[in-house]
C-alpha atoms as a PDB file:
ATOM      1  CA  MET A   1      81.249 125.971 152.216  1.00  0.00           C
ATOM      2  CA  SER A   2      77.908 126.019 150.387  1.00  0.00           C
ATOM      3  CA  THR A   3      74.906 126.816 151.121  1.00  0.00           C
ATOM      4  CA  ALA A   4      73.256 123.319 149.994  1.00  0.00           C
ATOM      5  CA  ALA A   5      72.507 121.679 153.548  1.00  0.00           C
ATOM      6  CA  PRO A   6      74.510 119.067 154.913  1.00  0.00           C
ATOM      7  CA  GLN A   7      74.597 115.881 153.884  1.00  0.00           C
ATOM      8  CA  ALA A   8      76.951 112.847 155.735  1.00  0.00           C
ATOM      9  CA  ALA A   9      80.232 112.191 154.327  1.00  0.00           C
ATOM     10  CA  ALA A  10      80.758 108.632 152.921  1.00  0.00           C
ATOM     11  CA  PHE A  11      84.573 108.924 151.803  1.00  0.00           C
ATOM     12  CA  PRO A  12      87.417 108.558 154.714  1.00  0.00           C
ATOM     13  CA  VAL A  13      88.590 111.738 156.249  1.00  0.00           C
ATOM     14  CA  PRO A  14      92.174 112.590 155.362  1.00  0.00           C
ATOM     15  CA  THR A  15      95.378 112.615 157.259  1.00  0.00           C
ATOM     16  CA  ILE A  16      96.533 116.523 157.220  1.00  0.00           C
ATOM     17  CA  GLY A  17     100.112 116.588 157.011  1.00  0.00           C
ATOM     18  CA  THR A  18     102.862 119.879 158.013  1.00  0.00           C
ATOM     19  CA  VAL A  19     103.032 122.698 155.645  1.00  0.00           C
ATOM     20  CA  ARG A  20     106.183 124.173 154.649  1.00  0.00           C
ATOM     21  CA  CYS A  21     107.859 125.699 151.903  1.00  0.00           C
ATOM     22  CA  VAL A  22     109.989 124.110 149.392  1.00  0.00           C
ATOM     23  CA  GLN A  23     110.365 127.174 146.436  1.00  0.00           C
ATOM     24  CA  ALA A  24     110.204 130.947 147.782  1.00  0.00           C
ATOM     25  CA  LEU A  25     109.788 132.262 144.180  1.00  0.00           C
ATOM     26  CA  GLU A  26     107.739 134.966 144.834  1.00  0.00           C
ATOM     27  CA  SER A  27     105.341 134.345 141.563  1.00  0.00           C
ATOM     28  CA  GLU A  28     103.141 136.876 140.078  1.00  0.00           C
ATOM     29  CA  LEU A  29     100.698 133.929 139.325  1.00  0.00           C
ATOM     30  CA  GLY A  30     101.652 130.156 140.111  1.00  0.00           C
ATOM     31  CA  GLU A  31      99.896 127.813 138.851  1.00  0.00           C
ATOM     32  CA  GLY A  32     100.226 124.482 136.538  1.00  0.00           C
ATOM     33  CA  LEU A  33     101.412 121.994 139.167  1.00  0.00           C
ATOM     34  CA  MET A  34     102.298 118.599 137.087  1.00  0.00           C
ATOM     35  CA  TRP A  35     104.130 115.628 138.737  1.00  0.00           C
ATOM     36  CA  SER A  36     106.531 114.039 136.363  1.00  0.00           C
ATOM     37  CA  VAL A  37     106.510 110.142 137.635  1.00  0.00           C
ATOM     38  CA  ARG A  38     108.758 109.542 134.678  1.00  0.00           C
ATOM     39  CA  GLU A  39     111.408 112.228 135.714  1.00  0.00           C
ATOM     40  CA  GLN A  40     110.170 112.421 139.709  1.00  0.00           C
ATOM     41  CA  ALA A  41     110.006 115.801 139.421  1.00  0.00           C
ATOM     42  CA  LEU A  42     107.944 118.809 140.067  1.00  0.00           C
ATOM     43  CA  TYR A  43     107.029 121.161 136.916  1.00  0.00           C
ATOM     44  CA  TRP A  44     104.811 124.272 137.604  1.00  0.00           C
ATOM     45  CA  VAL A  45     104.182 128.138 135.903  1.00  0.00           C
ATOM     46  CA  ASP A  46     104.201 131.857 136.535  1.00  0.00           C
ATOM     47  CA  ILE A  47     101.464 132.239 134.142  1.00  0.00           C
ATOM     48  CA  LEU A  48     102.422 136.602 133.965  1.00  0.00           C
ATOM     49  CA  ALA A  49     105.895 136.111 134.564  1.00  0.00           C
ATOM     50  CA  ARG A  50     105.174 133.480 131.385  1.00  0.00           C
ATOM     51  CA  HIS A  51     107.946 131.079 133.222  1.00  0.00           C
ATOM     52  CA  LEU A  52     107.852 127.101 133.634  1.00  0.00           C
ATOM     53  CA  HIS A  53     109.869 125.661 136.654  1.00  0.00           C
ATOM     54  CA  ARG A  54     111.170 122.479 136.960  1.00  0.00           C
ATOM     55  CA  TRP A  55     112.347 120.918 140.457  1.00  0.00           C
ATOM     56  CA  ASP A  56     113.609 117.848 141.629  1.00  0.00           C
ATOM     57  CA  PRO A  57     113.279 117.106 145.561  1.00  0.00           C
ATOM     58  CA  ALA A  58     115.796 114.400 145.112  1.00  0.00           C
ATOM     59  CA  SER A  59     119.185 116.261 144.104  1.00  0.00           C
ATOM     60  CA  ASP A  60     117.154 119.587 145.025  1.00  0.00           C
ATOM     61  CA  ALA A  61     118.329 121.094 141.310  1.00  0.00           C
ATOM     62  CA  TYR A  62     115.923 123.678 140.297  1.00  0.00           C
ATOM     63  CA  GLN A  63     115.501 125.146 136.222  1.00  0.00           C
ATOM     64  CA  ARG A  64     113.578 127.957 134.573  1.00  0.00           C
ATOM     65  CA  TRP A  65     112.154 128.452 131.074  1.00  0.00           C
ATOM     66  CA  THR A  66     110.883 131.819 129.898  1.00  0.00           C
ATOM     67  CA  PHE A  67     108.729 132.042 126.984  1.00  0.00           C
ATOM     68  CA  ALA A  68     107.671 134.982 124.542  1.00  0.00           C
ATOM     69  CA  GLU A  69     103.974 134.220 126.038  1.00  0.00           C
ATOM     70  CA  GLU A  70     102.062 133.564 128.795  1.00  0.00           C
ATOM     71  CA  ILE A  71     101.990 129.542 129.854  1.00  0.00           C
ATOM     72  CA  SER A  72      99.061 128.316 131.901  1.00  0.00           C
ATOM     73  CA  ALA A  73      98.882 124.484 131.911  1.00  0.00           C
ATOM     74  CA  LEU A  74     100.931 121.408 130.838  1.00  0.00           C
ATOM     75  CA  ALA A  75     100.733 117.438 130.744  1.00  0.00           C
ATOM     76  CA  GLU A  76     103.922 115.341 130.107  1.00  0.00           C
ATOM     77  CA  ARG A  77     103.684 113.556 126.767  1.00  0.00           C
ATOM     78  CA  ALA A  78     103.350 109.652 126.800  1.00  0.00           C
ATOM     79  CA  HIS A  79     104.999 108.200 123.591  1.00  0.00           C
ATOM     80  CA  ALA A  80     107.211 111.392 123.114  1.00  0.00           C
ATOM     81  CA  PRO A  81     109.456 113.666 124.931  1.00  0.00           C
ATOM     82  CA  GLY A  82     108.661 117.058 126.271  1.00  0.00           C
ATOM     83  CA  LEU A  83     105.276 118.456 127.098  1.00  0.00           C
ATOM     84  CA  ILE A  84     101.975 119.444 125.943  1.00  0.00           C
ATOM     85  CA  VAL A  85     101.378 123.229 127.007  1.00  0.00           C
ATOM     86  CA  THR A  86      98.747 125.698 127.079  1.00  0.00           C
ATOM     87  CA  LEU A  87     100.047 129.197 125.502  1.00  0.00           C
ATOM     88  CA  ARG A  88      97.723 132.477 125.452  1.00  0.00           C
ATOM     89  CA  ARG A  89      96.433 131.106 122.017  1.00  0.00           C
ATOM     90  CA  GLY A  90      95.736 127.686 122.614  1.00  0.00           C
ATOM     91  CA  PHE A  91      97.964 124.079 122.775  1.00  0.00           C
ATOM     92  CA  ALA A  92     101.179 123.547 122.139  1.00  0.00           C
ATOM     93  CA  LEU A  93     104.259 121.251 122.483  1.00  0.00           C
ATOM     94  CA  PHE A  94     107.428 121.964 124.534  1.00  0.00           C
ATOM     95  CA  ASP A  95     110.824 119.770 124.922  1.00  0.00           C
ATOM     96  CA  PRO A  96     113.067 121.229 127.924  1.00  0.00           C
ATOM     97  CA  ALA A  97     115.890 119.390 126.340  1.00  0.00           C
ATOM     98  CA  ALA A  98     115.477 121.598 123.166  1.00  0.00           C
ATOM     99  CA  ASP A  99     116.567 124.836 122.684  1.00  0.00           C
ATOM    100  CA  GLU A 100     113.562 126.500 121.012  1.00  0.00           C
ATOM    101  CA  GLN A 101     109.940 127.872 122.198  1.00  0.00           C
ATOM    102  CA  PRO A 102     106.587 126.098 122.303  1.00  0.00           C
ATOM    103  CA  ARG A 103     104.946 125.030 118.831  1.00  0.00           C
ATOM    104  CA  TYR A 104     101.319 125.577 118.539  1.00  0.00           C
ATOM    105  CA  VAL A 105      99.219 122.920 117.513  1.00  0.00           C
ATOM    106  CA  HIS A 106      96.424 123.942 117.829  1.00  0.00           C
ATOM    107  CA  GLN A 107      94.553 127.723 118.367  1.00  0.00           C
ATOM    108  CA  PRO A 108      90.816 127.320 118.725  1.00  0.00           C
ATOM    109  CA  GLU A 109      90.197 130.960 119.957  1.00  0.00           C
ATOM    110  CA  MET A 110      91.533 132.812 117.021  1.00  0.00           C
ATOM    111  CA  GLU A 111      88.033 135.130 117.292  1.00  0.00           C
ATOM    112  CA  ARG A 112      88.559 136.104 121.063  1.00  0.00           C
ATOM    113  CA  ALA A 113      91.377 138.755 120.844  1.00  0.00           C
ATOM    114  CA  GLY A 114      90.777 139.090 125.015  1.00  0.00           C
ATOM    115  CA  ASN A 115      90.837 136.238 125.953  1.00  0.00           C
ATOM    116  CA  ARG A 116      93.967 133.694 126.986  1.00  0.00           C
ATOM    117  CA  PHE A 117      94.309 129.995 128.358  1.00  0.00           C
ATOM    118  CA  ASN A 118      93.944 129.485 131.788  1.00  0.00           C
ATOM    119  CA  ASP A 119      93.948 125.926 133.879  1.00  0.00           C
ATOM    120  CA  GLY A 120      94.453 122.411 132.196  1.00  0.00           C
ATOM    121  CA  LYS A 121      95.000 118.473 133.051  1.00  0.00           C
ATOM    122  CA  CYS A 122      94.977 115.433 131.041  1.00  0.00           C
ATOM    123  CA  ASP A 123      92.712 113.073 131.871  1.00  0.00           C
ATOM    124  CA  ALA A 124      93.456 109.241 132.503  1.00  0.00           C
ATOM    125  CA  GLN A 125      92.778 108.557 128.510  1.00  0.00           C
ATOM    126  CA  GLY A 126      95.584 110.746 127.407  1.00  0.00           C
ATOM    127  CA  ARG A 127      93.202 113.719 126.188  1.00  0.00           C
ATOM    128  CA  PHE A 128      94.347 117.064 127.518  1.00  0.00           C
ATOM    129  CA  TRP A 129      91.503 119.143 128.582  1.00  0.00           C
ATOM    130  CA  ALA A 130      91.976 123.097 129.499  1.00  0.00           C
ATOM    131  CA  GLY A 131      89.509 126.138 130.007  1.00  0.00           C
ATOM    132  CA  SER A 132      90.087 129.900 128.470  1.00  0.00           C
ATOM    133  CA  MET A 133      88.968 132.720 130.161  1.00  0.00           C
ATOM    134  CA  ASP A 134      88.851 136.673 129.677  1.00  0.00           C
ATOM    135  CA  PHE A 135      92.239 138.357 130.485  1.00  0.00           C
ATOM    136  CA  ALA A 136      90.581 141.132 132.421  1.00  0.00           C
ATOM    137  CA  CYS A 137      88.220 138.204 134.753  1.00  0.00           C
ATOM    138  CA  GLU A 138      85.129 140.191 133.418  1.00  0.00           C
ATOM    139  CA  ALA A 139      83.582 139.214 130.450  1.00  0.00           C
ATOM    140  CA  PRO A 140      81.904 135.401 129.970  1.00  0.00           C
ATOM    141  CA  THR A 141      83.853 134.396 126.886  1.00  0.00           C
ATOM    142  CA  GLY A 142      85.616 131.622 128.377  1.00  0.00           C
ATOM    143  CA  ALA A 143      85.166 128.110 127.170  1.00  0.00           C
ATOM    144  CA  LEU A 144      86.227 124.436 128.127  1.00  0.00           C
ATOM    145  CA  TYR A 145      88.184 122.812 125.147  1.00  0.00           C
ATOM    146  CA  ARG A 146      89.560 119.283 124.905  1.00  0.00           C
ATOM    147  CA  TYR A 147      92.554 118.437 123.137  1.00  0.00           C
ATOM    148  CA  ASP A 148      92.699 114.620 122.038  1.00  0.00           C
ATOM    149  CA  PRO A 149      95.861 112.376 121.237  1.00  0.00           C
ATOM    150  CA  ASP A 150      94.798 112.542 117.363  1.00  0.00           C
ATOM    151  CA  GLY A 151      95.015 116.673 117.420  1.00  0.00           C
ATOM    152  CA  ARG A 152      90.757 116.666 117.366  1.00  0.00           C
ATOM    153  CA  CYS A 153      90.227 119.950 119.384  1.00  0.00           C
ATOM    154  CA  THR A 154      86.381 120.064 121.074  1.00  0.00           C
ATOM    155  CA  ARG A 155      84.855 122.652 122.734  1.00  0.00           C
ATOM    156  CA  HIS A 156      81.989 121.604 125.291  1.00  0.00           C
ATOM    157  CA  ASP A 157      80.816 124.077 127.227  1.00  0.00           C
ATOM    158  CA  ASP A 158      81.099 128.394 127.262  1.00  0.00           C
ATOM    159  CA  GLY A 159      80.028 131.420 128.975  1.00  0.00           C
ATOM    160  CA  PHE A 160      83.110 131.227 132.027  1.00  0.00           C
ATOM    161  CA  ALA A 161      84.316 134.554 132.458  1.00  0.00           C
ATOM    162  CA  VAL A 162      88.031 132.345 134.464  1.00  0.00           C
ATOM    163  CA  THR A 163      88.023 128.878 134.168  1.00  0.00           C
ATOM    164  CA  ASN A 164      89.855 126.431 136.425  1.00  0.00           C
ATOM    165  CA  GLY A 165      90.149 122.908 137.055  1.00  0.00           C
ATOM    166  CA  PRO A 166      89.202 120.196 135.552  1.00  0.00           C
ATOM    167  CA  THR A 167      89.524 117.093 137.689  1.00  0.00           C
ATOM    168  CA  TRP A 168      87.849 113.865 137.605  1.00  0.00           C
ATOM    169  CA  SER A 169      86.458 111.412 140.359  1.00  0.00           C
ATOM    170  CA  GLY A 170      85.135 107.912 139.648  1.00  0.00           C
ATOM    171  CA  THR A 171      81.943 107.089 142.130  1.00  0.00           C
ATOM    172  CA  GLY A 172      79.319 104.711 142.705  1.00  0.00           C
ATOM    173  CA  GLN A 173      77.318 107.021 139.894  1.00  0.00           C
ATOM    174  CA  GLY A 174      80.126 106.684 137.423  1.00  0.00           C
ATOM    175  CA  LEU A 175      82.918 108.838 136.325  1.00  0.00           C
ATOM    176  CA  ALA A 176      82.465 112.554 136.512  1.00  0.00           C
ATOM    177  CA  MET A 177      84.411 115.501 135.762  1.00  0.00           C
ATOM    178  CA  TYR A 178      84.565 119.008 138.280  1.00  0.00           C
ATOM    179  CA  PHE A 179      85.081 122.162 136.488  1.00  0.00           C
ATOM    180  CA  ASN A 180      84.990 125.612 138.455  1.00  0.00           C
ATOM    181  CA  ASP A 181      83.383 128.775 137.011  1.00  0.00           C
ATOM    182  CA  THR A 182      85.995 130.885 139.557  1.00  0.00           C
ATOM    183  CA  VAL A 183      83.934 134.303 139.010  1.00  0.00           C
ATOM    184  CA  GLN A 184      80.854 132.698 140.038  1.00  0.00           C
ATOM    185  CA  GLY A 185      82.107 130.746 143.066  1.00  0.00           C
ATOM    186  CA  CYS A 186      80.700 127.599 141.340  1.00  0.00           C
ATOM    187  CA  THR A 187      82.077 124.437 140.866  1.00  0.00           C
ATOM    188  CA  TYR A 188      80.268 122.282 138.036  1.00  0.00           C
ATOM    189  CA  ARG A 189      79.611 118.308 137.877  1.00  0.00           C
ATOM    190  CA  TYR A 190      79.541 116.861 134.628  1.00  0.00           C
ATOM    191  CA  ASP A 191      78.753 112.971 133.797  1.00  0.00           C
ATOM    192  CA  THR A 192      81.504 112.060 131.847  1.00  0.00           C
ATOM    193  CA  ASP A 193      81.816 109.032 129.033  1.00  0.00           C
ATOM    194  CA  PRO A 194      85.364 107.821 129.599  1.00  0.00           C
ATOM    195  CA  ALA A 195      85.398 106.247 126.464  1.00  0.00           C
ATOM    196  CA  THR A 196      84.607 108.962 124.160  1.00  0.00           C
ATOM    197  CA  GLY A 197      85.134 111.890 126.599  1.00  0.00           C
ATOM    198  CA  THR A 198      81.308 113.314 126.058  1.00  0.00           C
ATOM    199  CA  LEU A 199      79.936 115.262 128.956  1.00  0.00           C
ATOM    200  CA  THR A 200      76.257 115.340 130.005  1.00  0.00           C
ATOM    201  CA  ASN A 201      74.119 116.439 132.283  1.00  0.00           C
ATOM    202  CA  LYS A 202      75.604 119.330 133.937  1.00  0.00           C
ATOM    203  CA  MET A 203      74.625 120.334 137.608  1.00  0.00           C
ATOM    204  CA  LEU A 204      76.043 122.742 139.795  1.00  0.00           C
ATOM    205  CA  TRP A 205      77.785 120.685 142.406  1.00  0.00           C
ATOM    206  CA  MET A 206      78.736 123.307 144.510  1.00  0.00           C
ATOM    207  CA  ARG A 207      78.339 127.517 145.100  1.00  0.00           C
ATOM    208  CA  TRP A 208      80.830 128.599 147.634  1.00  0.00           C
ATOM    209  CA  LEU A 209      80.488 131.239 150.149  1.00  0.00           C
ATOM    210  CA  PRO A 210      81.927 134.502 150.183  1.00  0.00           C
ATOM    211  CA  GLU A 211      84.522 133.873 153.370  1.00  0.00           C
ATOM    212  CA  ASP A 212      85.612 130.868 151.130  1.00  0.00           C
ATOM    213  CA  GLY A 213      87.465 133.110 148.594  1.00  0.00           C
ATOM    214  CA  VAL A 214      86.855 131.474 145.024  1.00  0.00           C
ATOM    215  CA  PRO A 215      87.760 127.948 143.962  1.00  0.00           C
ATOM    216  CA  ASP A 216      90.912 127.874 141.728  1.00  0.00           C
ATOM    217  CA  GLY A 217      92.819 124.834 140.875  1.00  0.00           C
ATOM    218  CA  MET A 218      91.914 121.489 141.800  1.00  0.00           C
ATOM    219  CA  THR A 219      93.158 117.722 141.874  1.00  0.00           C
ATOM    220  CA  THR A 220      91.856 114.323 142.831  1.00  0.00           C
ATOM    221  CA  ASP A 221      93.489 111.374 145.359  1.00  0.00           C
ATOM    222  CA  ALA A 222      93.253 107.973 145.064  1.00  0.00           C
ATOM    223  CA  GLU A 223      90.355 107.666 146.931  1.00  0.00           C
ATOM    224  CA  GLY A 224      88.253 109.848 144.693  1.00  0.00           C
ATOM    225  CA  ARG A 225      88.471 112.989 147.026  1.00  0.00           C
ATOM    226  CA  LEU A 226      88.665 116.315 145.690  1.00  0.00           C
ATOM    227  CA  TRP A 227      91.126 118.674 146.634  1.00  0.00           C
ATOM    228  CA  ILE A 228      90.348 122.580 145.645  1.00  0.00           C
ATOM    229  CA  ALA A 229      92.613 125.464 146.270  1.00  0.00           C
ATOM    230  CA  HIS A 230      90.879 129.009 147.220  1.00  0.00           C
ATOM    231  CA  TRP A 231      92.041 132.110 145.680  1.00  0.00           C
ATOM    232  CA  GLY A 232      91.323 134.587 148.328  1.00  0.00           C
ATOM    233  CA  GLY A 233      90.411 131.790 151.401  1.00  0.00           C
ATOM    234  CA  SER A 234      93.927 131.180 152.329  1.00  0.00           C
ATOM    235  CA  CYS A 235      93.566 127.378 152.505  1.00  0.00           C
ATOM    236  CA  VAL A 236      92.874 124.009 150.362  1.00  0.00           C
ATOM    237  CA  THR A 237      89.886 121.687 151.168  1.00  0.00           C
ATOM    238  CA  CYS A 238      89.045 118.326 150.836  1.00  0.00           C
ATOM    239  CA  HIS A 239      85.901 116.735 149.670  1.00  0.00           C
ATOM    240  CA  ASP A 240      83.295 113.906 149.189  1.00  0.00           C
ATOM    241  CA  PRO A 241      83.015 114.147 145.729  1.00  0.00           C
ATOM    242  CA  VAL A 242      78.980 112.887 145.711  1.00  0.00           C
ATOM    243  CA  THR A 243      77.815 114.970 148.631  1.00  0.00           C
ATOM    244  CA  GLY A 244      80.582 117.996 148.657  1.00  0.00           C
ATOM    245  CA  ALA A 245      80.938 117.222 152.497  1.00  0.00           C
ATOM    246  CA  GLU A 246      84.606 119.075 153.471  1.00  0.00           C
ATOM    247  CA  LEU A 247      86.555 116.305 154.860  1.00  0.00           C
ATOM    248  CA  GLY A 248      89.659 117.998 155.349  1.00  0.00           C
ATOM    249  CA  ARG A 249      91.157 121.506 155.187  1.00  0.00           C
ATOM    250  CA  VAL A 250      95.031 122.644 154.714  1.00  0.00           C
ATOM    251  CA  ALA A 251      95.628 126.247 156.293  1.00  0.00           C
ATOM    252  CA  LEU A 252      98.233 128.063 154.506  1.00  0.00           C
ATOM    253  CA  PRO A 253      99.961 131.400 155.359  1.00  0.00           C
ATOM    254  CA  VAL A 254      99.037 133.004 152.058  1.00  0.00           C
ATOM    255  CA  SER A 255      95.411 134.294 150.908  1.00  0.00           C
ATOM    256  CA  GLN A 256      95.948 133.833 146.771  1.00  0.00           C
ATOM    257  CA  VAL A 257      95.867 129.876 146.672  1.00  0.00           C
ATOM    258  CA  THR A 258      96.431 128.921 143.430  1.00  0.00           C
ATOM    259  CA  ASN A 259      96.860 125.121 142.260  1.00  0.00           C
ATOM    260  CA  CYS A 260      97.276 121.383 144.013  1.00  0.00           C
ATOM    261  CA  ALA A 261      98.846 118.425 142.757  1.00  0.00           C
ATOM    262  CA  PHE A 262      99.626 115.383 144.324  1.00  0.00           C
ATOM    263  CA  GLY A 263     103.321 113.878 143.785  1.00  0.00           C
ATOM    264  CA  GLY A 264     106.717 112.760 145.236  1.00  0.00           C
ATOM    265  CA  ALA A 265     108.225 109.195 144.900  1.00  0.00           C
ATOM    266  CA  ASP A 266     105.016 107.553 146.986  1.00  0.00           C
ATOM    267  CA  LEU A 267     102.395 110.373 145.367  1.00  0.00           C
ATOM    268  CA  ARG A 268     101.565 111.402 149.127  1.00  0.00           C
ATOM    269  CA  THR A 269     102.706 114.951 148.898  1.00  0.00           C
ATOM    270  CA  LEU A 270     100.413 117.610 148.142  1.00  0.00           C
ATOM    271  CA  PHE A 271     101.855 120.380 146.476  1.00  0.00           C
ATOM    272  CA  ILE A 272     100.397 124.247 146.070  1.00  0.00           C
ATOM    273  CA  THR A 273     101.106 127.235 144.522  1.00  0.00           C
END
């Protein structure tokens, strides 16, 4: 946990179920989990192998697509077929039903040749947020971007070596966005205007201790609790979004835990890469 003094938790303790492996693919870098409510299927990526995976739990049907460059995150399009994804240089559209490569719609970092895009997620208003990172995981050249449904792209923050997240939680303090600076072992919190997507009042929400590993991907449950994957920490932890208190822990038989997302017919299953 963090070096801050512990505070009383205001959120209920979650029930932790049984962990089992559903797809043993031996990925180089599994990431980008997304549950499609429309298809009742799970999507995720292997960034370094440049693969997009799809698995239908009901039929156990599995599909894989291979791209010409790294794919790192995705979200389902609401009013058109297919997905919006992040590739090495930025945002692109991809239709799994079409026999063609993704098509870039915005490349915001042409001047940062040593970067690639990493984690990302769609907010409740349909805006796709994603972060970039230094390919060598060293230089603080990564940034946080917002891609709007109308095609506008905004850079909101800068100076990260490796970005992960984001996720959101609505508390008594209003809507907040959480974002990980993985190399520094920090999670930041921003006040968020849901109407405009504007971020203000950035603060350090958690500084993780070395024994925790470092914060990677994360998600939010229906109660507003944060679930955070720990690279090098062999676990996913659940936290009160206000106090940061740890409410639960999913121990895993692997060291490099990268991402998590809720899915399944009732959205009560936590999928983990």
